[in-house]
Amino acid sequence: LHYGLPYFAIGWYWEVNEVGHRVSHHTGNPGTFLSEVYIINDINRAYIIFTNVQSDDATKGIAVLLDEMKRRYGQ
């Protein structure tokens, strides 16, 4: 499901991060809210972030929050 094709498989993108872990990620955005899901199976970790608005500021806020969670809890 997540790693079936190079960098994209069944709605999920994936990449190898700077420490060598494969990271699956998906953005959900039907127009009224925004969600980001990151799964790092190599370290048994997932980050799921939902906002109740879809905007450029929400996208920037998600990036800041994700960076902080990865810094604190691993990537």
C-alpha atoms as a PDB file:
ATOM      1  CA  LEU A   1       0.000   0.000   0.000  1.00  0.00           C
ATOM      2  CA  HIS A   2       2.630   2.570   1.015  1.00  0.00           C
ATOM      3  CA  TYR A   3       5.727   1.545  -0.889  1.00  0.00           C
ATOM      4  CA  GLY A   4       4.313  -0.170  -3.981  1.00  0.00           C
ATOM      5  CA  LEU A   5       5.671   2.332  -6.517  1.00  0.00           C
ATOM      6  CA  PRO A   6       8.593   4.754  -6.493  1.00  0.00           C
ATOM      7  CA  TYR A   7       7.567   7.680  -4.279  1.00  0.00           C
ATOM      8  CA  PHE A   8       3.782   7.240  -4.731  1.00  0.00           C
ATOM      9  CA  ALA A   9       1.445   4.351  -4.028  1.00  0.00           C
ATOM     10  CA  ILE A  10      -2.349   4.299  -3.737  1.00  0.00           C
ATOM     11  CA  GLY A  11      -2.805   7.896  -2.546  1.00  0.00           C
ATOM     12  CA  TRP A  12       0.291   8.025  -0.359  1.00  0.00           C
ATOM     13  CA  TYR A  13       3.570   9.703  -1.174  1.00  0.00           C
ATOM     14  CA  TRP A  14       6.730   8.416   0.400  1.00  0.00           C
ATOM     15  CA  GLU A  15      10.339   9.431   0.689  1.00  0.00           C
ATOM     16  CA  VAL A  16      13.478   8.584   2.600  1.00  0.00           C
ATOM     17  CA  ASN A  17      14.158  11.262   5.231  1.00  0.00           C
ATOM     18  CA  GLU A  18      17.515  12.711   6.257  1.00  0.00           C
ATOM     19  CA  VAL A  19      18.187   9.915   8.772  1.00  0.00           C
ATOM     20  CA  GLY A  20      17.347   7.111   6.327  1.00  0.00           C
ATOM     21  CA  HIS A  21      13.789   6.227   7.382  1.00  0.00           C
ATOM     22  CA  ARG A  22      11.010   5.756   4.838  1.00  0.00           C
ATOM     23  CA  VAL A  23       8.215   8.236   5.515  1.00  0.00           C
ATOM     24  CA  SER A  24       4.717   7.823   4.063  1.00  0.00           C
ATOM     25  CA  HIS A  25       2.624  10.970   3.945  1.00  0.00           C
ATOM     26  CA  HIS A  26      -0.776  12.072   2.780  1.00  0.00           C
ATOM     27  CA  THR A  27      -2.554  15.430   2.674  1.00  0.00           C
ATOM     28  CA  GLY A  28      -6.327  15.538   2.972  1.00  0.00           C
ATOM     29  CA  ASN A  29      -7.977  18.767   1.916  1.00  0.00           C
ATOM     30  CA  PRO A  30     -11.640  18.745   0.884  1.00  0.00           C
ATOM     31  CA  GLY A  31     -11.824  22.548   1.054  1.00  0.00           C
ATOM     32  CA  THR A  32     -13.078  23.161   4.581  1.00  0.00           C
ATOM     33  CA  PHE A  33     -10.328  21.601   6.677  1.00  0.00           C
ATOM     34  CA  LEU A  34      -6.789  20.358   6.226  1.00  0.00           C
ATOM     35  CA  SER A  35      -5.104  17.213   7.474  1.00  0.00           C
ATOM     36  CA  GLU A  36      -1.582  15.838   7.232  1.00  0.00           C
ATOM     37  CA  VAL A  37      -0.595  12.277   8.077  1.00  0.00           C
ATOM     38  CA  TYR A  38       3.023  11.135   8.337  1.00  0.00           C
ATOM     39  CA  ILE A  39       3.898   7.516   9.075  1.00  0.00           C
ATOM     40  CA  ILE A  40       7.453   6.469   9.918  1.00  0.00           C
ATOM     41  CA  ASN A  41       7.163   2.723  10.199  1.00  0.00           C
ATOM     42  CA  ASP A  42      10.914   2.239  10.785  1.00  0.00           C
ATOM     43  CA  ILE A  43      10.579   3.817  14.254  1.00  0.00           C
ATOM     44  CA  ASN A  44       6.919   2.911  14.905  1.00  0.00           C
ATOM     45  CA  ARG A  45       5.805   6.556  14.765  1.00  0.00           C
ATOM     46  CA  ALA A  46       2.914   8.471  13.197  1.00  0.00           C
ATOM     47  CA  TYR A  47       2.039  12.162  13.217  1.00  0.00           C
ATOM     48  CA  ILE A  48      -1.547  13.128  12.418  1.00  0.00           C
ATOM     49  CA  ILE A  49      -2.461  16.805  12.290  1.00  0.00           C
ATOM     50  CA  PHE A  50      -5.937  18.221  11.612  1.00  0.00           C
ATOM     51  CA  THR A  51      -6.992  21.842  11.253  1.00  0.00           C
ATOM     52  CA  ASN A  52     -10.522  23.185  11.010  1.00  0.00           C
ATOM     53  CA  VAL A  53      -9.626  25.565   8.183  1.00  0.00           C
ATOM     54  CA  GLN A  54      -7.800  25.252   4.888  1.00  0.00           C
ATOM     55  CA  SER A  55      -5.561  28.250   4.252  1.00  0.00           C
ATOM     56  CA  ASP A  56      -1.958  29.194   3.599  1.00  0.00           C
ATOM     57  CA  ASP A  57      -1.566  30.059   7.298  1.00  0.00           C
ATOM     58  CA  ALA A  58      -2.909  26.632   8.316  1.00  0.00           C
ATOM     59  CA  THR A  59      -0.421  24.967   5.969  1.00  0.00           C
ATOM     60  CA  LYS A  60       2.427  26.983   7.496  1.00  0.00           C
ATOM     61  CA  GLY A  61       1.207  26.154  11.004  1.00  0.00           C
ATOM     62  CA  ILE A  62       1.130  22.440  10.216  1.00  0.00           C
ATOM     63  CA  ALA A  63       4.730  22.635   8.972  1.00  0.00           C
ATOM     64  CA  VAL A  64       5.866  24.364  12.178  1.00  0.00           C
ATOM     65  CA  LEU A  65       4.029  21.850  14.375  1.00  0.00           C
ATOM     66  CA  LEU A  66       5.344  18.868  12.424  1.00  0.00           C
ATOM     67  CA  ASP A  67       8.928  20.140  12.613  1.00  0.00           C
ATOM     68  CA  GLU A  68       8.615  20.567  16.380  1.00  0.00           C
ATOM     69  CA  MET A  69       7.103  17.102  16.868  1.00  0.00           C
ATOM     70  CA  LYS A  70       9.854  15.512  14.778  1.00  0.00           C
ATOM     71  CA  ARG A  71      12.473  17.426  16.785  1.00  0.00           C
ATOM     72  CA  ARG A  72      11.017  16.298  20.117  1.00  0.00           C
ATOM     73  CA  TYR A  73       9.887  12.778  19.328  1.00  0.00           C
ATOM     74  CA  GLY A  74      12.009  11.591  16.415  1.00  0.00           C
ATOM     75  CA  GLN A  75      11.893  11.253  12.712  1.00  0.00           C
END
